[in-house]
């Protein structure tokens, strides 16, 4: 993962997280048999973990420590085992204390749209 904070849980799951810019991240995971649900497609919890890793990275930077308070993943279609889940998240709006994020999960960087992502996080100044 690039950026100031390492996400040990994302690393454990094999999710690669990259910061594109302030409040803008991508997270990727190549799926395999271990990600299967009983229907033989990628489990919804895997989508959630990849999207959540992207949101967490977007909410945290050198200046702010974001506490993510909600993540909504709206599943549009299934992913096949072997697909790369590619989540891209951007901070769309900020208030004095909160950031609002939107994003997508796609089949690879240029592939089919699989899910919509919306999230909210409380922004705190990172201690010196």
C-alpha atoms as a PDB file:
ATOM      1  CA  UNK A   1       0.000   0.000   0.000  1.00  0.00           C
ATOM      2  CA  UNK A   2       1.190   3.491  -0.707  1.00  0.00           C
ATOM      3  CA  UNK A   3       0.479   6.369   1.641  1.00  0.00           C
ATOM      4  CA  UNK A   4       1.148   7.145   5.288  1.00  0.00           C
ATOM      5  CA  UNK A   5      -0.767   4.338   6.964  1.00  0.00           C
ATOM      6  CA  UNK A   6      -0.515   0.614   6.325  1.00  0.00           C
ATOM      7  CA  UNK A   7      -3.765  -1.339   6.372  1.00  0.00           C
ATOM      8  CA  UNK A   8      -2.646  -4.646   7.863  1.00  0.00           C
ATOM      9  CA  UNK A   9      -6.069  -6.257   7.327  1.00  0.00           C
ATOM     10  CA  UNK A  10      -6.100  -5.354   3.625  1.00  0.00           C
ATOM     11  CA  UNK A  11      -2.547  -6.705   3.334  1.00  0.00           C
ATOM     12  CA  UNK A  12      -3.582  -9.945   5.055  1.00  0.00           C
ATOM     13  CA  UNK A  13      -6.346 -10.394   2.477  1.00  0.00           C
ATOM     14  CA  UNK A  14      -3.983  -9.643  -0.411  1.00  0.00           C
ATOM     15  CA  UNK A  15      -5.643  -6.333  -1.313  1.00  0.00           C
ATOM     16  CA  UNK A  16      -3.303  -3.831  -2.985  1.00  0.00           C
ATOM     17  CA  UNK A  17      -4.208  -0.227  -2.096  1.00  0.00           C
ATOM     18  CA  UNK A  18      -2.804   2.793  -3.925  1.00  0.00           C
ATOM     19  CA  UNK A  19      -3.288   6.488  -3.310  1.00  0.00           C
ATOM     20  CA  UNK A  20      -3.969   8.384  -6.551  1.00  0.00           C
ATOM     21  CA  UNK A  21      -4.334  11.795  -4.921  1.00  0.00           C
ATOM     22  CA  UNK A  22      -5.937  13.483  -1.908  1.00  0.00           C
ATOM     23  CA  UNK A  23      -9.117  11.561  -1.058  1.00  0.00           C
ATOM     24  CA  UNK A  24      -8.729   9.385  -4.170  1.00  0.00           C
ATOM     25  CA  UNK A  25      -7.621   5.744  -3.939  1.00  0.00           C
ATOM     26  CA  UNK A  26      -7.880   2.409  -5.680  1.00  0.00           C
ATOM     27  CA  UNK A  27      -7.832  -1.078  -4.181  1.00  0.00           C
ATOM     28  CA  UNK A  28      -7.383  -4.288  -6.164  1.00  0.00           C
ATOM     29  CA  UNK A  29      -7.675  -7.996  -5.479  1.00  0.00           C
ATOM     30  CA  UNK A  30      -7.322 -10.963  -7.820  1.00  0.00           C
ATOM     31  CA  UNK A  31      -9.990 -13.399  -6.696  1.00  0.00           C
ATOM     32  CA  UNK A  32      -9.614 -17.148  -6.395  1.00  0.00           C
ATOM     33  CA  UNK A  33     -11.351 -20.249  -5.059  1.00  0.00           C
ATOM     34  CA  UNK A  34     -10.945 -19.023  -1.487  1.00  0.00           C
ATOM     35  CA  UNK A  35     -13.257 -16.074  -2.310  1.00  0.00           C
ATOM     36  CA  UNK A  36     -16.195 -18.227  -3.469  1.00  0.00           C
ATOM     37  CA  UNK A  37     -19.712 -18.095  -2.125  1.00  0.00           C
ATOM     38  CA  UNK A  38     -22.019 -21.176  -2.279  1.00  0.00           C
ATOM     39  CA  UNK A  39     -23.046 -20.167  -5.831  1.00  0.00           C
ATOM     40  CA  UNK A  40     -19.481 -20.371  -7.142  1.00  0.00           C
ATOM     41  CA  UNK A  41     -19.083 -16.610  -7.651  1.00  0.00           C
ATOM     42  CA  UNK A  42     -17.161 -14.062  -5.585  1.00  0.00           C
ATOM     43  CA  UNK A  43     -18.638 -13.631  -2.082  1.00  0.00           C
ATOM     44  CA  UNK A  44     -20.208 -10.228  -1.377  1.00  0.00           C
ATOM     45  CA  UNK A  45     -18.009  -9.819   1.691  1.00  0.00           C
ATOM     46  CA  UNK A  46     -14.987  -9.775  -0.620  1.00  0.00           C
ATOM     47  CA  UNK A  47     -16.491  -6.848  -2.556  1.00  0.00           C
ATOM     48  CA  UNK A  48     -17.069  -5.101   0.773  1.00  0.00           C
ATOM     49  CA  UNK A  49     -13.471  -5.674   1.946  1.00  0.00           C
ATOM     50  CA  UNK A  50     -11.957  -4.325  -1.273  1.00  0.00           C
ATOM     51  CA  UNK A  51     -14.272  -1.299  -1.294  1.00  0.00           C
ATOM     52  CA  UNK A  52     -13.709  -0.728   2.442  1.00  0.00           C
ATOM     53  CA  UNK A  53      -9.933  -0.767   2.011  1.00  0.00           C
ATOM     54  CA  UNK A  54     -10.214   1.906  -0.686  1.00  0.00           C
ATOM     55  CA  UNK A  55     -12.490   4.041   1.516  1.00  0.00           C
ATOM     56  CA  UNK A  56     -10.199   3.712   4.538  1.00  0.00           C
ATOM     57  CA  UNK A  57      -7.179   4.803   2.513  1.00  0.00           C
ATOM     58  CA  UNK A  58      -9.087   7.743   1.022  1.00  0.00           C
ATOM     59  CA  UNK A  59     -10.154   8.866   4.521  1.00  0.00           C
ATOM     60  CA  UNK A  60      -6.605   8.813   5.910  1.00  0.00           C
ATOM     61  CA  UNK A  61      -3.677  10.917   4.784  1.00  0.00           C
ATOM     62  CA  UNK A  62      -0.671  12.752   6.209  1.00  0.00           C
ATOM     63  CA  UNK A  63      -2.889  15.448   7.761  1.00  0.00           C
ATOM     64  CA  UNK A  64      -6.112  13.625   8.698  1.00  0.00           C
ATOM     65  CA  UNK A  65      -7.079  10.466  10.522  1.00  0.00           C
ATOM     66  CA  UNK A  66     -10.485   9.417   9.200  1.00  0.00           C
ATOM     67  CA  UNK A  67     -12.865   7.218  11.147  1.00  0.00           C
ATOM     68  CA  UNK A  68     -15.142   5.525   8.627  1.00  0.00           C
ATOM     69  CA  UNK A  69     -18.689   5.408   9.998  1.00  0.00           C
ATOM     70  CA  UNK A  70     -20.560   3.845   7.078  1.00  0.00           C
ATOM     71  CA  UNK A  71     -19.879   1.953   3.875  1.00  0.00           C
ATOM     72  CA  UNK A  72     -22.695   0.980   1.539  1.00  0.00           C
ATOM     73  CA  UNK A  73     -21.991  -1.420  -1.301  1.00  0.00           C
ATOM     74  CA  UNK A  74     -24.794  -1.800  -3.827  1.00  0.00           C
ATOM     75  CA  UNK A  75     -24.166  -5.022  -5.736  1.00  0.00           C
ATOM     76  CA  UNK A  76     -25.088  -4.815  -9.427  1.00  0.00           C
ATOM     77  CA  UNK A  77     -23.710  -8.079 -10.782  1.00  0.00           C
ATOM     78  CA  UNK A  78     -21.615 -11.026  -9.706  1.00  0.00           C
ATOM     79  CA  UNK A  79     -17.884 -11.427 -10.226  1.00  0.00           C
ATOM     80  CA  UNK A  80     -16.397 -14.697 -11.430  1.00  0.00           C
ATOM     81  CA  UNK A  81     -13.595 -16.445  -9.604  1.00  0.00           C
ATOM     82  CA  UNK A  82     -10.348 -15.261 -11.173  1.00  0.00           C
ATOM     83  CA  UNK A  83     -11.653 -11.724 -11.775  1.00  0.00           C
ATOM     84  CA  UNK A  84      -9.711  -8.753 -10.440  1.00  0.00           C
ATOM     85  CA  UNK A  85     -11.919  -6.577  -8.252  1.00  0.00           C
ATOM     86  CA  UNK A  86     -10.919  -2.957  -8.830  1.00  0.00           C
ATOM     87  CA  UNK A  87     -12.432  -0.447  -6.385  1.00  0.00           C
ATOM     88  CA  UNK A  88     -11.932   3.255  -7.002  1.00  0.00           C
ATOM     89  CA  UNK A  89     -13.091   5.765  -4.377  1.00  0.00           C
ATOM     90  CA  UNK A  90     -13.075   9.571  -4.389  1.00  0.00           C
ATOM     91  CA  UNK A  91     -13.917  12.104  -1.702  1.00  0.00           C
ATOM     92  CA  UNK A  92     -16.868  13.954  -3.215  1.00  0.00           C
ATOM     93  CA  UNK A  93     -17.861  16.353  -0.457  1.00  0.00           C
ATOM     94  CA  UNK A  94     -16.563  17.590   2.878  1.00  0.00           C
ATOM     95  CA  UNK A  95     -18.178  19.347   5.806  1.00  0.00           C
ATOM     96  CA  UNK A  96     -16.321  20.764   8.786  1.00  0.00           C
ATOM     97  CA  UNK A  97     -15.995  17.271  10.319  1.00  0.00           C
ATOM     98  CA  UNK A  98     -17.056  14.690   7.735  1.00  0.00           C
ATOM     99  CA  UNK A  99     -16.065  13.453   4.314  1.00  0.00           C
ATOM    100  CA  UNK A 100     -18.427  11.799   1.848  1.00  0.00           C
ATOM    101  CA  UNK A 101     -16.967   9.258  -0.582  1.00  0.00           C
ATOM    102  CA  UNK A 102     -18.348   7.659  -3.713  1.00  0.00           C
ATOM    103  CA  UNK A 103     -16.900   4.960  -5.886  1.00  0.00           C
ATOM    104  CA  UNK A 104     -17.259   1.825  -7.912  1.00  0.00           C
ATOM    105  CA  UNK A 105     -16.102  -1.759  -7.985  1.00  0.00           C
ATOM    106  CA  UNK A 106     -15.335  -2.974 -11.493  1.00  0.00           C
ATOM    107  CA  UNK A 107     -14.067  -6.135 -13.142  1.00  0.00           C
ATOM    108  CA  UNK A 108     -10.508  -4.920 -13.599  1.00  0.00           C
ATOM    109  CA  UNK A 109      -9.551  -1.312 -14.260  1.00  0.00           C
ATOM    110  CA  UNK A 110     -11.532  -0.984 -17.489  1.00  0.00           C
ATOM    111  CA  UNK A 111     -14.108  -3.744 -16.995  1.00  0.00           C
ATOM    112  CA  UNK A 112     -17.799  -4.084 -16.224  1.00  0.00           C
ATOM    113  CA  UNK A 113     -19.326  -2.142 -13.351  1.00  0.00           C
ATOM    114  CA  UNK A 114     -20.049  -4.620 -10.533  1.00  0.00           C
ATOM    115  CA  UNK A 115     -21.050  -2.387  -7.591  1.00  0.00           C
ATOM    116  CA  UNK A 116     -21.607   1.185  -6.434  1.00  0.00           C
ATOM    117  CA  UNK A 117     -19.914   2.376  -3.236  1.00  0.00           C
ATOM    118  CA  UNK A 118     -20.951   5.209  -0.909  1.00  0.00           C
ATOM    119  CA  UNK A 119     -19.264   5.975   2.397  1.00  0.00           C
ATOM    120  CA  UNK A 120     -18.936   8.528   5.159  1.00  0.00           C
ATOM    121  CA  UNK A 121     -16.108   9.225   7.567  1.00  0.00           C
ATOM    122  CA  UNK A 122     -15.394  11.552  10.456  1.00  0.00           C
ATOM    123  CA  UNK A 123     -12.254  13.596   9.831  1.00  0.00           C
ATOM    124  CA  UNK A 124      -9.807  14.301  12.685  1.00  0.00           C
ATOM    125  CA  UNK A 125      -6.510  16.153  12.542  1.00  0.00           C
ATOM    126  CA  UNK A 126      -3.681  13.655  12.867  1.00  0.00           C
ATOM    127  CA  UNK A 127      -1.647  14.230  16.057  1.00  0.00           C
ATOM    128  CA  UNK A 128       1.833  15.641  15.476  1.00  0.00           C
END
